[in-house]
């Protein structure tokens, strides 16, 4: 059953890490994982194996410990997450870890704590964790999962054994998506997902690869003055996930800037290069930079904002002013 929790691009690395930990157990592992490549599943497979009552290389999925883990009720496993999306992990939450580790393991084995994303710990929380990292107790494993470990306190990083989880190669991601029914849109989905297979799978499920064509047509029409920005913004709002829309727009701006510099070898959307070439000569570089900066600044506001329509209208109007005829306000 644990095999299903590991993605194909993780199996060799998992075995390498498992063997290293068996030979030289570490009390704290800092696992760096790129978004959309399955870090969350990997670290749970690792925790499940540590608590499993069997002795195989992978958790058996059948013992009482595995069953409790899969049900989310294992008494010797504690998962620490932010209370809300983008919220920090605060010191009170880390104090739960201290209390948890003061208890005896109910299964008589290991106690495992998972903190994700670890970089969300604020300074007070990270400092509260230091004592535990220095003196964790016997048969304790702390798993810190992070996309950006450089944002962790150096004192926390120095007390952990650091591992960088593998990303799926292009071929692995493409093959896996096809086994999931990606079909003709798998390649486009991977472009949109910045080569992250699980992100691409989510985009396919929401029909964003097919919707990309309509979004690009809107951008071209806005740039050429053939569509009204307010009407376009209303359409975009009806699509739902505006964070995905913002990410695609950011990719296109990055591509246009690359084309402006004559660097077309690493485009996010190479299939649009002819369109880029026809557009980029009429767009001033500083306006693309300004739009990109505004887009990044607006991304947090786009999620659930009460004035979402107004924010989308702002983006659409800015695209309409990309050409030399206008400018960003």
Protein backbone atom coordinates (compact mmCIF):
# COMPACT_ATOMS: atom_id res chain seq x y z
CA UNK A 1 0.00 0.00 0.00
CA UNK A 2 2.89 2.37 0.73
CA UNK A 3 4.05 1.89 -2.84
CA UNK A 4 0.97 3.82 -3.92
CA UNK A 5 2.08 6.71 -1.68
CA UNK A 6 5.36 7.03 -3.58
CA UNK A 7 5.45 8.48 -7.05
CA UNK A 8 7.58 6.73 -9.69
CA UNK A 9 10.31 9.38 -9.58
CA UNK A 10 10.70 8.94 -5.81
CA UNK A 11 11.22 5.20 -5.36
CA UNK A 12 15.01 5.06 -5.81
CA UNK A 13 15.56 8.11 -3.64
CA UNK A 14 13.28 6.68 -0.95
CA UNK A 15 15.36 3.51 -0.77
CA UNK A 16 18.58 5.53 -0.59
CA UNK A 17 17.23 7.66 2.26
CA UNK A 18 15.78 4.67 4.08
CA UNK A 19 19.09 2.82 4.00
CA UNK A 20 21.03 5.89 5.13
CA UNK A 21 18.65 6.41 8.03
CA UNK A 22 18.83 2.74 9.02
CA UNK A 23 22.64 2.85 9.10
CA UNK A 24 22.90 6.21 10.84
CA UNK A 25 19.60 7.27 12.36
CA UNK A 26 18.96 11.00 12.48
CA UNK A 27 16.51 12.58 14.90
CA UNK A 28 15.58 15.38 12.48
CA UNK A 29 15.32 15.37 8.70
CA UNK A 30 14.84 18.55 6.70
CA UNK A 31 13.36 17.54 3.36
CA UNK A 32 13.39 20.10 0.58
CA UNK A 33 10.69 19.44 -2.02
CA UNK A 34 9.61 21.42 -5.06
CA UNK A 35 5.90 22.19 -5.26
CA UNK A 36 3.88 19.78 -7.37
CA UNK A 37 6.43 16.94 -7.22
CA UNK A 38 4.88 14.96 -4.37
CA UNK A 39 6.87 15.96 -1.32
CA UNK A 40 3.82 15.73 0.93
CA UNK A 41 3.16 12.13 -0.09
CA UNK A 42 6.83 11.19 0.22
CA UNK A 43 7.23 12.45 3.76
CA UNK A 44 4.06 10.66 4.85
CA UNK A 45 5.30 7.42 3.34
CA UNK A 46 8.51 7.91 5.33
CA UNK A 47 6.61 8.58 8.55
CA UNK A 48 4.30 5.60 7.97
CA UNK A 49 7.27 3.28 7.45
CA UNK A 50 8.94 4.54 10.62
CA UNK A 51 5.83 3.62 12.62
CA UNK A 52 5.03 0.37 10.79
CA UNK A 53 5.18 -2.81 12.89
CA UNK A 54 6.54 -4.80 9.97
CA UNK A 55 10.17 -5.04 8.87
CA UNK A 56 9.91 -4.57 5.10
CA UNK A 57 11.47 -1.74 3.13
CA UNK A 58 8.04 -0.14 2.78
CA UNK A 59 5.25 0.17 5.30
CA UNK A 60 3.01 -2.86 5.05
CA UNK A 61 -0.28 -0.96 5.13
CA UNK A 62 -1.89 -3.87 6.98
CA UNK A 63 -0.68 -3.76 10.58
CA UNK A 64 -2.57 -1.92 13.31
CA UNK A 65 -0.07 0.94 13.23
CA UNK A 66 -0.43 1.43 9.47
CA UNK A 67 -4.20 1.27 9.66
CA UNK A 68 -4.26 4.00 12.32
CA UNK A 69 -1.82 6.10 10.33
CA UNK A 70 -3.94 5.85 7.18
CA UNK A 71 -7.00 6.77 9.22
CA UNK A 72 -5.21 9.84 10.60
CA UNK A 73 -5.53 8.65 14.21
CA UNK A 74 -2.09 7.22 15.04
CA UNK A 75 -1.31 8.19 18.66
CA UNK A 76 2.45 8.34 18.02
CA UNK A 77 2.26 10.64 14.99
CA UNK A 78 1.75 14.39 15.13
CA UNK A 79 1.31 16.55 12.02
CA UNK A 80 1.77 20.28 12.43
CA UNK A 81 0.22 22.48 9.73
CA UNK A 82 -0.73 26.17 9.50
CA UNK A 83 -4.24 26.85 10.74
CA UNK A 84 -5.09 28.66 7.50
CA UNK A 85 -3.65 28.92 4.01
CA UNK A 86 -0.61 31.26 4.00
CA UNK A 87 -0.85 31.65 7.80
CA UNK A 88 2.29 31.21 9.92
CA UNK A 89 2.91 28.32 12.28
CA UNK A 90 2.92 29.96 15.69
CA UNK A 91 4.67 29.17 18.94
CA UNK A 92 1.55 27.65 20.56
CA UNK A 93 1.47 25.01 17.83
CA UNK A 94 5.12 24.11 18.41
CA UNK A 95 4.42 23.77 22.12
CA UNK A 96 2.09 20.93 21.13
CA UNK A 97 5.16 19.14 19.82
CA UNK A 98 6.94 19.55 23.14
CA UNK A 99 3.94 18.14 25.02
CA UNK A 100 3.54 15.30 22.53
CA UNK A 101 7.17 14.21 22.89
CA UNK A 102 6.94 14.23 26.68
CA UNK A 103 4.46 11.35 26.42
CA UNK A 104 5.51 7.74 26.05
CA UNK A 105 4.97 6.06 22.70
CA UNK A 106 1.71 4.14 22.95
CA UNK A 107 2.96 1.50 20.51
CA UNK A 108 6.28 1.26 22.34
CA UNK A 109 8.24 2.33 19.30
CA UNK A 110 8.98 5.60 17.54
CA UNK A 111 7.24 8.94 17.89
CA UNK A 112 7.15 10.94 14.66
CA UNK A 113 6.43 14.64 14.20
CA UNK A 114 5.84 16.22 10.80
CA UNK A 115 6.02 20.01 10.34
CA UNK A 116 4.95 21.36 6.95
CA UNK A 117 5.67 23.72 5.45
CA UNK A 118 8.47 24.23 7.92
CA UNK A 119 9.37 27.68 6.60
CA UNK A 120 6.02 28.93 7.86
CA UNK A 121 7.21 28.77 11.46
CA UNK A 122 7.60 32.30 12.74
CA UNK A 123 10.71 33.24 14.73
CA UNK A 124 9.14 32.47 18.08
CA UNK A 125 7.94 29.05 16.90
CA UNK A 126 11.31 28.17 15.39
CA UNK A 127 13.12 29.17 18.57
CA UNK A 128 10.70 27.06 20.61
CA UNK A 129 11.57 24.06 18.43
CA UNK A 130 15.34 24.42 18.98
CA UNK A 131 15.31 22.78 22.41
CA UNK A 132 13.52 19.76 20.98
CA UNK A 133 15.97 19.58 18.07
CA UNK A 134 18.87 19.62 20.52
CA UNK A 135 17.39 17.06 22.93
CA UNK A 136 14.62 15.17 21.11
CA UNK A 137 14.61 12.12 23.35
CA UNK A 138 14.93 8.47 22.37
CA UNK A 139 13.26 7.04 19.27
CA UNK A 140 11.99 10.42 18.06
CA UNK A 141 11.95 11.47 14.41
CA UNK A 142 11.22 15.06 13.41
CA UNK A 143 10.37 15.55 9.73
CA UNK A 144 10.49 19.11 8.42
CA UNK A 145 9.15 19.53 4.89
CA UNK A 146 9.98 22.77 3.10
CA UNK A 147 9.90 24.27 -0.37
CA UNK A 148 12.16 27.12 0.74
CA UNK A 149 14.50 25.92 3.53
CA UNK A 150 16.60 29.09 3.21
CA UNK A 151 13.72 30.88 4.99
CA UNK A 152 14.21 28.71 8.07
CA UNK A 153 16.40 29.92 10.91
CA UNK A 154 19.99 28.85 10.34
CA UNK A 155 20.00 27.35 13.83
CA UNK A 156 17.11 25.07 12.84
CA UNK A 157 18.73 24.00 9.56
CA UNK A 158 22.04 23.23 11.25
CA UNK A 159 20.36 20.77 13.61
CA UNK A 160 18.76 18.75 10.81
CA UNK A 161 20.04 16.29 8.27
CA UNK A 162 19.16 17.90 4.94
CA UNK A 163 17.90 15.99 1.91
CA UNK A 164 16.69 17.37 -1.41
CA UNK A 165 13.84 15.35 -2.86
CA UNK A 166 14.02 14.57 -6.58
CA UNK A 167 11.91 16.31 -9.16
CA UNK A 168 10.27 14.27 -11.88
CA UNK A 169 12.19 14.44 -15.14
CA UNK A 170 10.32 15.65 -18.21
CA UNK A 171 9.99 12.09 -19.50
CA UNK A 172 8.85 10.75 -16.12
CA UNK A 173 6.26 13.49 -15.76
CA UNK A 174 4.96 13.00 -19.30
CA UNK A 175 4.75 9.22 -18.95
CA UNK A 176 3.02 9.42 -15.59
CA UNK A 177 0.47 11.96 -16.82
CA UNK A 178 -0.39 9.71 -19.74
CA UNK A 179 -1.06 6.83 -17.35
CA UNK A 180 -3.47 9.18 -15.56
CA UNK A 181 -5.38 9.92 -18.75
CA UNK A 182 -3.63 13.17 -19.66
CA UNK A 183 -4.15 12.57 -23.36
CA UNK A 184 -3.39 15.27 -25.92
CA UNK A 185 -3.32 18.03 -23.30
CA UNK A 186 -0.62 16.47 -21.10
CA UNK A 187 2.22 18.44 -22.69
CA UNK A 188 0.38 21.74 -22.40
CA UNK A 189 -0.51 20.99 -18.79
CA UNK A 190 3.16 20.38 -17.95
CA UNK A 191 4.09 23.70 -19.58
CA UNK A 192 1.51 25.47 -17.48
CA UNK A 193 2.60 23.62 -14.33
CA UNK A 194 6.28 24.50 -14.78
CA UNK A 195 7.00 20.77 -15.29
CA UNK A 196 5.44 19.72 -11.95
CA UNK A 197 3.41 16.56 -12.67
CA UNK A 198 0.95 16.74 -9.76
CA UNK A 199 0.25 20.38 -10.51
CA UNK A 200 -0.28 19.43 -14.16
CA UNK A 201 -2.73 16.73 -13.11
CA UNK A 202 -4.76 19.29 -11.12
CA UNK A 203 -4.78 21.66 -14.09
CA UNK A 204 -6.04 18.90 -16.36
CA UNK A 205 -8.80 18.04 -13.90
CA UNK A 206 -9.93 21.68 -13.96
CA UNK A 207 -9.70 21.86 -17.79
CA UNK A 208 -7.15 24.67 -17.70
CA UNK A 209 -5.00 23.39 -20.61
CA UNK A 210 -8.01 23.69 -22.92
CA UNK A 211 -8.97 27.02 -21.34
CA UNK A 212 -5.45 28.35 -21.99
CA UNK A 213 -6.32 28.87 -25.66
CA UNK A 214 -9.24 31.12 -24.76
CA UNK A 215 -7.11 33.07 -22.27
CA UNK A 216 -4.36 33.62 -24.83
CA UNK A 217 -6.93 34.76 -27.39
CA UNK A 218 -8.17 37.29 -24.81
CA UNK A 219 -4.64 38.58 -24.24
CA UNK A 220 -4.06 39.01 -27.97
CA UNK A 221 -7.42 40.72 -28.42
CA UNK A 222 -6.78 43.10 -25.51
CA UNK A 223 -3.34 43.95 -26.84
CA UNK A 224 -4.69 44.72 -30.30
CA UNK A 225 -7.70 46.66 -28.98
CA UNK A 226 -10.27 44.17 -30.29
CA UNK A 227 -11.90 43.37 -26.92
CA UNK A 228 -13.21 45.36 -24.00
CA UNK A 229 -11.25 44.91 -20.78
CA UNK A 230 -14.31 44.91 -18.52
CA UNK A 231 -16.02 42.16 -20.51
CA UNK A 232 -12.83 40.10 -20.56
CA UNK A 233 -12.43 40.47 -16.80
CA UNK A 234 -15.99 39.23 -16.27
CA UNK A 235 -15.19 36.13 -18.32
CA UNK A 236 -12.02 35.50 -16.34
CA UNK A 237 -13.90 35.80 -13.07
CA UNK A 238 -16.41 33.18 -14.22
CA UNK A 239 -13.60 30.65 -14.72
CA UNK A 240 -12.99 30.37 -11.01
CA UNK A 241 -9.38 29.84 -9.95
CA UNK A 242 -7.82 33.24 -10.58
CA UNK A 243 -4.51 32.20 -9.01
CA UNK A 244 -3.97 29.78 -11.89
CA UNK A 245 -4.90 32.54 -14.32
CA UNK A 246 -2.39 34.88 -12.68
CA UNK A 247 0.34 32.24 -12.87
CA UNK A 248 -0.27 31.68 -16.59
CA UNK A 249 -0.17 35.43 -17.24
CA UNK A 250 3.13 35.62 -15.35
CA UNK A 251 4.56 32.81 -17.48
CA UNK A 252 3.57 34.63 -20.66
CA UNK A 253 5.16 37.86 -19.49
CA UNK A 254 8.36 35.96 -18.67
CA UNK A 255 8.26 34.37 -22.14
CA UNK A 256 7.75 37.74 -23.82
CA UNK A 257 10.69 39.20 -21.90
CA UNK A 258 12.85 36.26 -22.98
CA UNK A 259 11.82 36.76 -26.61
CA UNK A 260 12.62 40.43 -26.25
CA UNK A 261 16.16 39.41 -25.30
CA UNK A 262 16.35 36.79 -28.06
CA UNK A 263 16.39 33.90 -25.59
CA UNK A 264 13.81 31.38 -26.75
CA UNK A 265 15.36 28.11 -25.61
CA UNK A 266 13.66 27.93 -22.20
CA UNK A 267 10.18 29.31 -22.79
CA UNK A 268 7.29 28.15 -20.62
CA UNK A 269 5.07 27.93 -23.73
CA UNK A 270 7.31 27.30 -26.75
CA UNK A 271 4.31 26.54 -28.95
CA UNK A 272 3.40 30.25 -28.78
CA UNK A 273 6.77 31.55 -29.98
CA UNK A 274 5.43 32.80 -33.34
CA UNK A 275 2.71 34.76 -31.53
CA UNK A 276 5.29 36.15 -29.13
CA UNK A 277 7.48 37.30 -32.02
CA UNK A 278 4.61 39.17 -33.64
CA UNK A 279 3.65 40.88 -30.37
CA UNK A 280 6.93 41.68 -28.71
CA UNK A 281 8.04 44.34 -31.18
CA UNK A 282 5.06 46.51 -30.22
CA UNK A 283 5.56 46.17 -26.45
CA UNK A 284 7.98 48.21 -24.43
CA UNK A 285 10.17 46.16 -22.10
CA UNK A 286 9.61 48.45 -19.12
CA UNK A 287 5.84 47.95 -19.47
CA UNK A 288 6.23 44.20 -19.33
CA UNK A 289 8.38 44.54 -16.21
CA UNK A 290 5.83 46.86 -14.62
CA UNK A 291 2.98 44.49 -15.43
CA UNK A 292 4.88 41.50 -14.04
CA UNK A 293 5.61 43.34 -10.79
CA UNK A 294 1.98 44.39 -10.49
CA UNK A 295 0.83 40.85 -11.19
CA UNK A 296 3.04 39.38 -8.46
CA UNK A 297 1.84 42.04 -6.01
CA UNK A 298 -1.80 41.27 -6.85
CA UNK A 299 -1.59 37.48 -6.65
CA UNK A 300 -2.29 37.33 -2.93
CA UNK A 301 -5.23 39.70 -3.35
CA UNK A 302 -6.72 37.61 -6.15
CA UNK A 303 -7.66 34.75 -3.81
CA UNK A 304 -11.13 35.42 -2.45
CA UNK A 305 -10.90 39.20 -2.73
CA UNK A 306 -14.18 41.06 -2.36
CA UNK A 307 -13.23 43.32 -5.27
CA UNK A 308 -12.03 40.49 -7.50
CA UNK A 309 -13.79 41.90 -10.58
CA UNK A 310 -11.99 45.22 -10.13
CA UNK A 311 -8.60 43.54 -9.76
CA UNK A 312 -9.14 41.49 -12.92
CA UNK A 313 -10.26 44.60 -14.79
CA UNK A 314 -7.00 46.25 -13.71
CA UNK A 315 -4.99 43.37 -15.19
CA UNK A 316 -7.01 43.39 -18.43
CA UNK A 317 -6.63 47.16 -18.81
CA UNK A 318 -2.89 46.89 -18.23
CA UNK A 319 -2.58 44.29 -21.01
CA UNK A 320 -4.48 46.63 -23.30
CA UNK A 321 -1.82 49.26 -22.54
CA UNK A 322 1.18 47.04 -23.29
CA UNK A 323 1.62 48.62 -26.70
CA UNK A 324 3.50 51.85 -27.29
CA UNK A 325 0.18 53.67 -27.57
CA UNK A 326 -0.46 53.61 -23.81
CA UNK A 327 1.13 52.87 -20.47
CA UNK A 328 0.54 51.40 -17.08
CA UNK A 329 -0.92 53.81 -14.62
